[in-house]
């Protein structure tokens, strides 16, 4: 009954039909397509004792950062593990997968990532170990591992392998998060050339343009590939969010809200999925920082977060829930979430990654967002400044975490912390000189200092840069890629 997967890895207790479903599931996982769930179920329907089928199901219960999914699967997975003995034929590689999944289900992301990395050293073509480990590196904000986990496996792959392009897409994202923007773009485009629907490779390229201030090019890149990324995959909402970041730089708030209403959050297709709600929160928070009115969207988004009734599970999600509560004026709800997390963290929880995330980053950021919402800008600065070089510790990308960094800058500007604002702006402008937001913020600081000429020059520079993005948006006949 024991078979092997496409790359020769033993699949214990797995018949040929189940192996075929497993391979289909991996293909769907690499493309972020919904078929992964059905194919994963089919593996276990055909071979209920398949070790790799059980490991895959466990990972799928975890990748969405949904506590309810993890809790639902945890007991069944533990019972399955109790039945797996070396004499039953499970290989060392398979048992390592079970150990990694068990660690993650218990809350230890770092241990799970380490075990998956150990698998990859010996089995560089273990697609599941690579893909899941890569996502753990993302969830823990570990840019070096995000890059090197995949980079260390690449020479173990035949470049003619049909999945090699997907591995390049993962590597491109790790390169981008590590600051290798030119190399990242090169690798991302190679990935997309092999697989036009590789939304993770597309996503990596989008990040390189974002980090370099090449938002006009990013708009054109996404517009040229709309059919490949804009629907039919789990990453489409997030890539629309990236489109909105480009439109914000171009100064087109109307276009941003059109996309928000069509895709990110609406009444027609309400979603309570954490990954999508956090994109909605992150976008509206950027509008709040810019004093742009989002109307009733805040209230509806806050309702969606409240309906989840999340227990402590992933601090990154908590921060975005607080954004929604503060944006909606529901300060009491935001403060209650903070009290709940304070009570939870009062007890030591060895091996629970989210405990340290919440203490070190989640709670200070949540408190700062609440202070900002109350107009206590100096307090927000005092909370965020000490952790600004460590915000990656609670996961996400540079682009996502920039909402926190912008909150610090805005609080400094509004709270009369001129020296802090000057320093932050100097850092941002010298790192990314093409960024209308940075120059508009520089103009505001110059206004505060009575430097009228410098303020005018900064605004002129911002307008010049924004015009390139506006032109790219208008090339679509005014649609700007907004879905029908």
Protein backbone atom coordinates (compact mmCIF):
# COMPACT_ATOMS: atom_id res chain seq x y z
CA UNK A 1 0.00 0.00 0.00
CA UNK A 2 2.92 2.32 0.66
CA UNK A 3 3.73 4.56 -2.31
CA UNK A 4 6.00 7.53 -3.00
CA UNK A 5 5.23 11.09 -3.99
CA UNK A 6 6.39 12.74 -7.19
CA UNK A 7 9.83 13.41 -5.73
CA UNK A 8 10.40 9.93 -4.37
CA UNK A 9 9.44 10.52 -0.73
CA UNK A 10 7.75 7.56 0.93
CA UNK A 11 4.04 8.01 1.64
CA UNK A 12 3.22 5.54 4.41
CA UNK A 13 -0.25 4.03 4.56
CA UNK A 14 -1.17 5.87 1.37
CA UNK A 15 -2.53 4.18 -1.75
CA UNK A 16 -1.98 5.35 -5.31
CA UNK A 17 -5.27 7.24 -5.51
CA UNK A 18 -4.51 9.09 -2.27
CA UNK A 19 -1.03 9.99 -3.52
CA UNK A 20 -2.62 11.50 -6.63
CA UNK A 21 -4.93 13.59 -4.46
CA UNK A 22 -1.95 14.61 -2.29
CA UNK A 23 -0.05 15.83 -5.35
CA UNK A 24 -3.11 17.77 -6.52
CA UNK A 25 -3.36 19.31 -3.07
CA UNK A 26 0.26 20.46 -3.18
CA UNK A 27 -0.28 22.04 -6.60
CA UNK A 28 -3.32 23.89 -5.28
CA UNK A 29 -1.43 24.92 -2.14
CA UNK A 30 1.36 26.45 -4.22
CA UNK A 31 -1.22 28.36 -6.26
CA UNK A 32 -3.27 29.36 -3.16
CA UNK A 33 -6.36 27.82 -4.73
CA UNK A 34 -9.42 26.59 -2.84
CA UNK A 35 -9.17 23.12 -4.33
CA UNK A 36 -6.51 22.36 -1.73
CA UNK A 37 -9.18 21.70 0.90
CA UNK A 38 -11.14 19.19 -1.18
CA UNK A 39 -8.00 17.41 -2.36
CA UNK A 40 -6.72 17.18 1.20
CA UNK A 41 -9.99 15.63 2.35
CA UNK A 42 -9.83 13.21 -0.56
CA UNK A 43 -6.42 11.95 0.60
CA UNK A 44 -7.86 10.93 3.96
CA UNK A 45 -11.13 9.66 2.49
CA UNK A 46 -9.09 7.25 0.42
CA UNK A 47 -6.34 6.49 2.96
CA UNK A 48 -7.45 7.59 6.45
CA UNK A 49 -4.16 6.50 8.01
CA UNK A 50 -1.96 8.34 5.53
CA UNK A 51 0.73 10.03 7.60
CA UNK A 52 1.39 12.79 5.09
CA UNK A 53 -2.33 13.20 4.51
CA UNK A 54 -2.81 13.81 8.22
CA UNK A 55 0.13 16.22 8.33
CA UNK A 56 -1.25 18.16 5.36
CA UNK A 57 -4.67 18.42 7.01
CA UNK A 58 -3.06 19.72 10.19
CA UNK A 59 -1.12 22.40 8.35
CA UNK A 60 -4.23 23.53 6.48
CA UNK A 61 -5.99 23.94 9.83
CA UNK A 62 -3.18 26.27 10.90
CA UNK A 63 -2.24 28.33 7.86
CA UNK A 64 -5.28 30.61 8.09
CA UNK A 65 -4.30 31.77 11.62
CA UNK A 66 -7.81 30.80 12.75
CA UNK A 67 -7.81 29.51 16.32
CA UNK A 68 -11.13 27.71 15.88
CA UNK A 69 -9.76 25.63 13.02
CA UNK A 70 -6.67 24.69 15.01
CA UNK A 71 -8.65 23.75 18.11
CA UNK A 72 -11.10 21.67 16.09
CA UNK A 73 -8.31 19.64 14.51
CA UNK A 74 -5.99 19.34 17.51
CA UNK A 75 -7.65 16.47 19.39
CA UNK A 76 -8.24 14.35 16.29
CA UNK A 77 -4.63 14.82 15.26
CA UNK A 78 -3.39 13.82 18.70
CA UNK A 79 -5.48 10.64 18.55
CA UNK A 80 -4.03 9.82 15.16
CA UNK A 81 -0.49 10.34 16.39
CA UNK A 82 -1.08 7.92 19.24
CA UNK A 83 -1.66 5.21 16.64
CA UNK A 84 1.51 5.89 14.66
CA UNK A 85 4.40 3.66 15.65
CA UNK A 86 7.76 3.12 13.94
CA UNK A 87 6.76 -0.49 13.33
CA UNK A 88 3.78 0.72 11.31
CA UNK A 89 6.15 2.02 8.66
CA UNK A 90 6.18 5.81 9.20
CA UNK A 91 9.50 7.15 7.98
CA UNK A 92 11.71 9.55 9.95
CA UNK A 93 10.72 12.34 7.54
CA UNK A 94 7.03 11.67 8.10
CA UNK A 95 7.46 11.54 11.87
CA UNK A 96 9.23 14.91 11.70
CA UNK A 97 6.21 16.32 9.89
CA UNK A 98 3.99 15.01 12.66
CA UNK A 99 6.29 16.61 15.23
CA UNK A 100 6.22 19.94 13.39
CA UNK A 101 2.44 19.93 13.14
CA UNK A 102 2.12 18.95 16.81
CA UNK A 103 4.40 21.81 17.85
CA UNK A 104 2.40 24.33 15.85
CA UNK A 105 -0.92 23.00 17.14
CA UNK A 106 0.50 23.50 20.64
CA UNK A 107 1.36 27.11 19.78
CA UNK A 108 5.11 26.77 19.20
CA UNK A 109 5.65 28.24 15.72
CA UNK A 110 9.39 28.55 16.16
CA UNK A 111 9.83 24.87 16.99
CA UNK A 112 7.59 23.87 14.09
CA UNK A 113 9.63 26.03 11.71
CA UNK A 114 12.88 24.54 12.98
CA UNK A 115 11.71 20.95 12.46
CA UNK A 116 10.48 21.76 8.96
CA UNK A 117 13.87 23.33 8.25
CA UNK A 118 15.58 20.14 9.39
CA UNK A 119 13.40 18.19 6.96
CA UNK A 120 14.39 20.50 4.12
CA UNK A 121 18.11 20.03 4.77
CA UNK A 122 17.78 16.31 4.13
CA UNK A 123 14.87 16.49 1.69
CA UNK A 124 15.10 19.77 -0.27
CA UNK A 125 12.30 18.66 -2.61
CA UNK A 126 9.79 18.15 0.18
CA UNK A 127 7.31 20.70 -1.14
CA UNK A 128 5.08 20.62 1.92
CA UNK A 129 7.97 21.26 4.31
CA UNK A 130 9.18 24.17 2.17
CA UNK A 131 5.79 25.79 1.67
CA UNK A 132 4.62 25.50 5.27
CA UNK A 133 8.00 26.49 6.72
CA UNK A 134 8.02 29.53 4.44
CA UNK A 135 4.65 30.64 5.80
CA UNK A 136 5.80 30.15 9.39
CA UNK A 137 8.77 32.41 8.66
CA UNK A 138 6.27 34.98 7.39
CA UNK A 139 4.03 34.64 10.46
CA UNK A 140 7.02 35.13 12.75
CA UNK A 141 8.56 37.99 10.73
CA UNK A 142 11.86 36.15 10.24
CA UNK A 143 13.18 37.66 7.00
CA UNK A 144 16.50 35.80 7.00
CA UNK A 145 14.84 32.41 7.33
CA UNK A 146 12.16 33.43 4.84
CA UNK A 147 14.99 33.88 2.35
CA UNK A 148 17.42 31.15 3.33
CA UNK A 149 15.01 28.29 3.99
CA UNK A 150 14.13 28.34 0.30
CA UNK A 151 17.50 29.52 -0.98
CA UNK A 152 19.18 26.61 0.79
CA UNK A 153 16.94 24.12 -1.02
CA UNK A 154 17.14 25.56 -4.54
CA UNK A 155 20.22 23.68 -5.73
CA UNK A 156 18.49 20.45 -4.71
CA UNK A 157 15.92 21.06 -7.42
CA UNK A 158 16.01 20.26 -11.13
CA UNK A 159 15.26 23.54 -12.89
CA UNK A 160 13.04 21.63 -15.32
CA UNK A 161 10.81 20.43 -12.48
CA UNK A 162 7.25 21.75 -13.00
CA UNK A 163 7.24 23.10 -9.44
CA UNK A 164 10.60 24.84 -9.64
CA UNK A 165 8.93 28.11 -10.66
CA UNK A 166 6.78 28.07 -7.52
CA UNK A 167 9.89 27.59 -5.40
CA UNK A 168 11.35 30.64 -7.14
CA UNK A 169 8.23 32.61 -6.19
CA UNK A 170 8.79 31.77 -2.53
CA UNK A 171 12.46 32.65 -2.78
CA UNK A 172 11.62 35.99 -4.39
CA UNK A 173 9.49 36.98 -1.41
CA UNK A 174 12.24 36.05 1.01
CA UNK A 175 14.70 38.11 -1.01
CA UNK A 176 12.37 41.11 -0.95
CA UNK A 177 11.77 40.96 2.79
CA UNK A 178 15.56 40.80 3.24
CA UNK A 179 16.08 43.95 1.17
CA UNK A 180 17.45 42.34 -2.02
CA UNK A 181 15.00 44.18 -4.25
CA UNK A 182 16.74 43.85 -7.60
CA UNK A 183 17.39 40.14 -7.18
CA UNK A 184 13.88 39.64 -5.83
CA UNK A 185 12.29 41.25 -8.89
CA UNK A 186 14.45 39.14 -11.21
CA UNK A 187 13.49 35.90 -9.46
CA UNK A 188 9.81 36.86 -9.12
CA UNK A 189 9.50 37.61 -12.82
CA UNK A 190 11.18 34.30 -13.64
CA UNK A 191 8.61 32.58 -11.43
CA UNK A 192 5.68 34.30 -13.14
CA UNK A 193 7.11 33.56 -16.57
CA UNK A 194 7.01 29.85 -15.74
CA UNK A 195 3.58 30.00 -14.11
CA UNK A 196 1.51 33.11 -14.96
CA UNK A 197 -1.01 32.20 -12.23
CA UNK A 198 1.64 31.89 -9.53
CA UNK A 199 0.04 34.47 -7.26
CA UNK A 200 2.83 34.20 -4.68
CA UNK A 201 5.40 35.07 -7.34
CA UNK A 202 3.17 37.95 -8.47
CA UNK A 203 2.87 38.99 -4.83
CA UNK A 204 6.66 39.00 -4.45
CA UNK A 205 7.09 41.28 -7.46
CA UNK A 206 4.37 43.58 -6.11
CA UNK A 207 6.28 43.88 -2.85
CA UNK A 208 9.51 44.85 -4.61
CA UNK A 209 7.74 47.69 -6.41
CA UNK A 210 6.10 48.82 -3.16
CA UNK A 211 9.36 48.91 -1.25
CA UNK A 212 11.14 50.87 -3.97
CA UNK A 213 8.36 53.40 -4.50
CA UNK A 214 7.75 52.09 -8.03
CA UNK A 215 4.01 52.21 -7.59
CA UNK A 216 3.24 53.25 -11.18
CA UNK A 217 5.09 50.18 -12.40
CA UNK A 218 3.28 48.10 -9.80
CA UNK A 219 -0.09 49.29 -11.09
CA UNK A 220 0.87 48.41 -14.65
CA UNK A 221 2.25 45.03 -13.55
CA UNK A 222 -0.99 44.07 -11.80
CA UNK A 223 -3.21 45.47 -14.54
CA UNK A 224 -1.39 43.42 -17.17
CA UNK A 225 -2.06 40.23 -15.20
CA UNK A 226 -5.52 40.82 -13.74
CA UNK A 227 -6.88 37.53 -15.08
CA UNK A 228 -4.10 35.62 -13.35
CA UNK A 229 -4.39 36.99 -9.80
CA UNK A 230 -7.59 38.97 -9.23
CA UNK A 231 -9.96 36.09 -8.47
CA UNK A 232 -10.10 32.36 -7.80
CA UNK A 233 -7.38 32.17 -5.16
CA UNK A 234 -6.88 32.81 -1.46
CA UNK A 235 -4.44 35.66 -2.13
CA UNK A 236 -6.65 37.76 -4.41
CA UNK A 237 -7.91 40.04 -1.61
CA UNK A 238 -4.39 40.65 -0.38
CA UNK A 239 -3.13 41.50 -3.85
CA UNK A 240 -6.07 43.88 -4.30
CA UNK A 241 -4.90 45.44 -1.02
CA UNK A 242 -1.51 45.99 -2.61
CA UNK A 243 -3.24 47.63 -5.58
CA UNK A 244 -4.91 49.98 -3.11
CA UNK A 245 -1.54 50.92 -1.60
CA UNK A 246 -0.39 51.99 -5.05
CA UNK A 247 -3.60 53.99 -5.57
CA UNK A 248 -3.08 55.69 -2.21
CA UNK A 249 0.37 56.83 -3.30
CA UNK A 250 -1.22 58.18 -6.46
CA UNK A 251 -3.64 60.17 -4.32
CA UNK A 252 -6.74 58.40 -5.65
CA UNK A 253 -8.79 57.78 -2.51
CA UNK A 254 -11.95 57.31 -4.56
CA UNK A 255 -10.38 54.38 -6.39
CA UNK A 256 -9.18 52.92 -3.10
CA UNK A 257 -12.68 52.93 -1.63
CA UNK A 258 -14.16 51.44 -4.80
CA UNK A 259 -11.80 48.50 -4.52
CA UNK A 260 -12.43 48.21 -0.78
CA UNK A 261 -16.19 48.01 -1.36
CA UNK A 262 -15.90 45.60 -4.28
CA UNK A 263 -13.36 43.19 -2.81
CA UNK A 264 -11.99 43.80 0.67
CA UNK A 265 -15.20 44.09 2.69
CA UNK A 266 -18.82 44.50 1.70
CA UNK A 267 -22.37 43.48 2.59
CA UNK A 268 -22.90 41.31 -0.49
CA UNK A 269 -20.11 38.90 0.39
CA UNK A 270 -19.33 39.49 4.07
CA UNK A 271 -16.28 37.64 5.28
CA UNK A 272 -15.21 36.85 8.77
CA UNK A 273 -11.87 35.42 7.68
CA UNK A 274 -9.00 36.90 9.67
CA UNK A 275 -6.61 37.18 6.72
CA UNK A 276 -9.11 39.30 4.79
CA UNK A 277 -10.33 41.36 7.72
CA UNK A 278 -6.81 42.41 8.59
CA UNK A 279 -6.28 43.69 5.03
CA UNK A 280 -9.48 45.71 5.37
CA UNK A 281 -8.35 47.13 8.72
CA UNK A 282 -4.87 47.93 7.46
CA UNK A 283 -6.29 49.85 4.50
CA UNK A 284 -8.85 51.87 6.43
CA UNK A 285 -6.24 52.67 9.10
CA UNK A 286 -4.02 54.24 6.44
CA UNK A 287 -6.99 56.37 5.38
CA UNK A 288 -7.56 57.38 9.00
CA UNK A 289 -3.92 58.44 9.30
CA UNK A 290 -4.49 60.60 6.22
CA UNK A 291 -7.67 62.10 7.73
CA UNK A 292 -9.76 60.54 4.93
CA UNK A 293 -13.34 59.73 5.83
CA UNK A 294 -14.25 56.05 5.36
CA UNK A 295 -17.90 56.61 6.26
CA UNK A 296 -19.85 53.63 7.62
CA UNK A 297 -17.14 51.14 6.60
CA UNK A 298 -15.45 51.34 9.99
CA UNK A 299 -18.59 50.34 11.87
CA UNK A 300 -19.24 47.36 9.63
CA UNK A 301 -15.65 46.22 9.87
CA UNK A 302 -15.65 46.52 13.67
CA UNK A 303 -18.83 44.44 13.77
CA UNK A 304 -17.10 41.75 11.70
CA UNK A 305 -14.15 41.60 14.10
CA UNK A 306 -16.42 41.56 17.15
CA UNK A 307 -18.46 38.69 15.71
CA UNK A 308 -15.34 36.52 15.68
CA UNK A 309 -14.95 36.62 19.49
CA UNK A 310 -11.28 35.78 19.12
CA UNK A 311 -9.38 34.28 22.00
CA UNK A 312 -5.65 35.05 22.26
CA UNK A 313 -4.07 33.28 19.30
CA UNK A 314 -2.12 35.60 16.98
CA UNK A 315 -1.11 39.10 18.07
CA UNK A 316 -0.93 40.35 14.49
CA UNK A 317 -4.68 39.74 14.16
CA UNK A 318 -5.36 41.42 17.51
CA UNK A 319 -3.66 44.61 16.37
CA UNK A 320 -5.86 44.80 13.28
CA UNK A 321 -8.99 44.18 15.33
CA UNK A 322 -8.00 47.13 17.53
CA UNK A 323 -7.51 49.28 14.43
CA UNK A 324 -11.11 48.53 13.46
CA UNK A 325 -12.46 49.28 16.93
CA UNK A 326 -10.54 52.56 17.20
CA UNK A 327 -11.51 53.59 13.68
CA UNK A 328 -15.16 52.94 14.50
CA UNK A 329 -14.90 54.95 17.72
CA UNK A 330 -15.44 51.80 19.80
CA UNK A 331 -12.64 52.56 22.21
CA UNK A 332 -14.25 50.50 24.96
CA UNK A 333 -14.07 47.37 22.77
CA UNK A 334 -10.43 48.04 21.97
CA UNK A 335 -9.62 48.50 25.66
CA UNK A 336 -11.48 45.30 26.54
CA UNK A 337 -9.39 43.35 24.04
CA UNK A 338 -6.25 44.75 25.64
CA UNK A 339 -7.46 43.77 29.12
CA UNK A 340 -8.23 40.26 27.91
CA UNK A 341 -4.73 39.90 26.48
CA UNK A 342 -3.15 41.34 29.61
CA UNK A 343 -4.96 38.74 31.70
CA UNK A 344 -3.89 35.96 29.34
CA UNK A 345 -0.24 37.00 29.34
CA UNK A 346 -0.14 37.28 33.15
CA UNK A 347 0.55 33.54 33.29
CA UNK A 348 3.76 32.17 31.78
CA UNK A 349 3.12 29.98 28.75
CA UNK A 350 6.38 28.27 27.83
CA UNK A 351 6.59 27.31 24.19
CA UNK A 352 3.61 29.42 23.11
CA UNK A 353 5.00 31.78 20.50
CA UNK A 354 2.04 34.14 20.65
CA UNK A 355 2.64 34.82 24.34
CA UNK A 356 5.96 36.54 23.65
CA UNK A 357 4.55 38.20 20.52
CA UNK A 358 1.69 39.67 22.52
CA UNK A 359 3.82 40.88 25.41
CA UNK A 360 6.63 42.39 23.35
CA UNK A 361 4.74 43.80 20.36
CA UNK A 362 1.01 43.15 20.32
CA UNK A 363 0.05 44.89 23.53
CA UNK A 364 2.28 47.97 23.09
CA UNK A 365 0.97 48.47 19.55
CA UNK A 366 -2.64 48.01 20.63
CA UNK A 367 -2.20 50.50 23.46
CA UNK A 368 -0.57 52.96 21.05
CA UNK A 369 -3.45 52.66 18.58
CA UNK A 370 -5.91 53.40 21.36
CA UNK A 371 -3.85 56.38 22.51
CA UNK A 372 -3.75 57.66 18.94
CA UNK A 373 -7.52 57.30 18.66
CA UNK A 374 -7.92 59.34 21.83
CA UNK A 375 -5.65 62.08 20.50
CA UNK A 376 -2.95 61.27 23.05
CA UNK A 377 -0.20 61.41 20.47
CA UNK A 378 2.73 61.79 22.81
CA UNK A 379 1.69 58.60 24.60
CA UNK A 380 1.48 56.79 21.25
CA UNK A 381 5.03 57.89 20.43
CA UNK A 382 6.29 56.74 23.82
CA UNK A 383 4.72 53.31 23.29
CA UNK A 384 5.90 52.76 19.71
CA UNK A 385 9.36 54.33 19.66
CA UNK A 386 11.02 51.67 21.88
CA UNK A 387 9.75 48.77 19.74
CA UNK A 388 9.98 50.19 16.24
CA UNK A 389 12.99 48.07 15.34
CA UNK A 390 11.35 44.91 16.66
CA UNK A 391 7.85 45.10 15.18
CA UNK A 392 8.77 42.27 12.79
CA UNK A 393 8.68 39.94 15.80
CA UNK A 394 4.91 39.62 15.50
CA UNK A 395 4.94 38.71 11.83
CA UNK A 396 3.73 40.20 8.59
CA UNK A 397 5.68 41.94 5.87
CA UNK A 398 7.48 45.28 5.75
CA UNK A 399 4.55 46.69 3.76
CA UNK A 400 2.01 45.48 6.32
CA UNK A 401 3.99 46.65 9.33
CA UNK A 402 4.40 50.10 7.78
CA UNK A 403 0.96 50.91 9.18
CA UNK A 404 2.57 50.80 12.62
CA UNK A 405 5.57 52.86 11.52
CA UNK A 406 3.29 55.47 9.93
CA UNK A 407 1.27 55.64 13.14
CA UNK A 408 4.47 56.49 15.01
CA UNK A 409 5.35 59.20 12.49
CA UNK A 410 1.85 60.67 12.48
CA UNK A 411 1.77 60.69 16.28
CA UNK A 412 5.12 62.49 16.33
CA UNK A 413 3.90 65.09 13.82
CA UNK A 414 0.64 65.68 15.63
CA UNK A 415 2.07 65.47 19.12
CA UNK A 416 4.70 68.17 18.73
CA UNK A 417 7.62 65.72 18.74
CA UNK A 418 9.47 67.62 16.03
CA UNK A 419 12.89 66.01 16.53
CA UNK A 420 11.40 62.52 16.41
CA UNK A 421 9.35 63.38 13.33
CA UNK A 422 12.40 64.85 11.60
CA UNK A 423 14.45 61.75 12.33
CA UNK A 424 11.74 59.36 11.16
CA UNK A 425 11.18 61.33 7.97
CA UNK A 426 14.88 61.50 7.24
CA UNK A 427 15.05 57.72 7.55
CA UNK A 428 12.03 57.18 5.31
CA UNK A 429 12.98 59.67 2.60
CA UNK A 430 16.54 58.45 2.29
CA UNK A 431 15.40 54.84 2.17
CA UNK A 432 12.57 55.46 -0.30
CA UNK A 433 12.88 58.84 -1.99
CA UNK A 434 9.99 58.10 -4.37
CA UNK A 435 7.02 58.18 -2.02
CA UNK A 436 4.45 60.99 -2.08
CA UNK A 437 3.38 60.20 1.48
CA UNK A 438 6.89 60.82 2.77
CA UNK A 439 7.17 64.17 1.01
CA UNK A 440 3.73 65.34 2.12
CA UNK A 441 4.66 64.49 5.69
CA UNK A 442 7.92 66.40 5.21
CA UNK A 443 5.90 69.40 4.03
CA UNK A 444 3.74 69.26 7.15
CA UNK A 445 6.82 69.20 9.35
CA UNK A 446 8.27 72.17 7.45
CA UNK A 447 5.00 74.05 7.97
CA UNK A 448 5.27 73.44 11.70
CA UNK A 449 8.80 74.80 11.68
CA UNK A 450 7.79 77.87 9.67
CA UNK A 451 9.82 76.78 6.64
CA UNK A 452 7.42 77.83 3.89
CA UNK A 453 9.82 77.37 0.97
CA UNK A 454 10.82 73.87 2.06
CA UNK A 455 7.17 72.94 2.56
CA UNK A 456 6.26 74.11 -0.93
CA UNK A 457 9.17 72.20 -2.46
CA UNK A 458 8.18 69.01 -0.66
CA UNK A 459 4.57 69.30 -1.81
CA UNK A 460 5.67 69.90 -5.38
CA UNK A 461 7.83 66.79 -5.24
CA UNK A 462 4.94 64.74 -3.84
CA UNK A 463 2.62 65.96 -6.59
CA UNK A 464 5.15 65.14 -9.29
CA UNK A 465 5.59 61.62 -7.97
CA UNK A 466 1.87 61.02 -7.51
CA UNK A 467 1.15 62.03 -11.08
CA UNK A 468 3.03 59.01 -12.42
CA UNK A 469 0.81 56.66 -10.45
CA UNK A 470 -2.33 58.57 -11.44
CA UNK A 471 -1.38 58.22 -15.08
CA UNK A 472 -0.93 54.47 -14.66
CA UNK A 473 -4.38 54.18 -13.06
CA UNK A 474 -5.99 56.17 -15.85
CA UNK A 475 -4.53 53.90 -18.51
CA UNK A 476 -7.31 51.44 -17.72
CA UNK A 477 -9.94 53.88 -18.97
CA UNK A 478 -10.79 55.06 -15.50
CA UNK A 479 -11.45 51.58 -14.10
CA UNK A 480 -8.10 51.30 -12.37
CA UNK A 481 -8.50 47.54 -12.24
CA UNK A 482 -11.64 47.73 -10.08
CA UNK A 483 -13.45 44.38 -10.40
CA UNK A 484 -16.86 44.31 -11.93
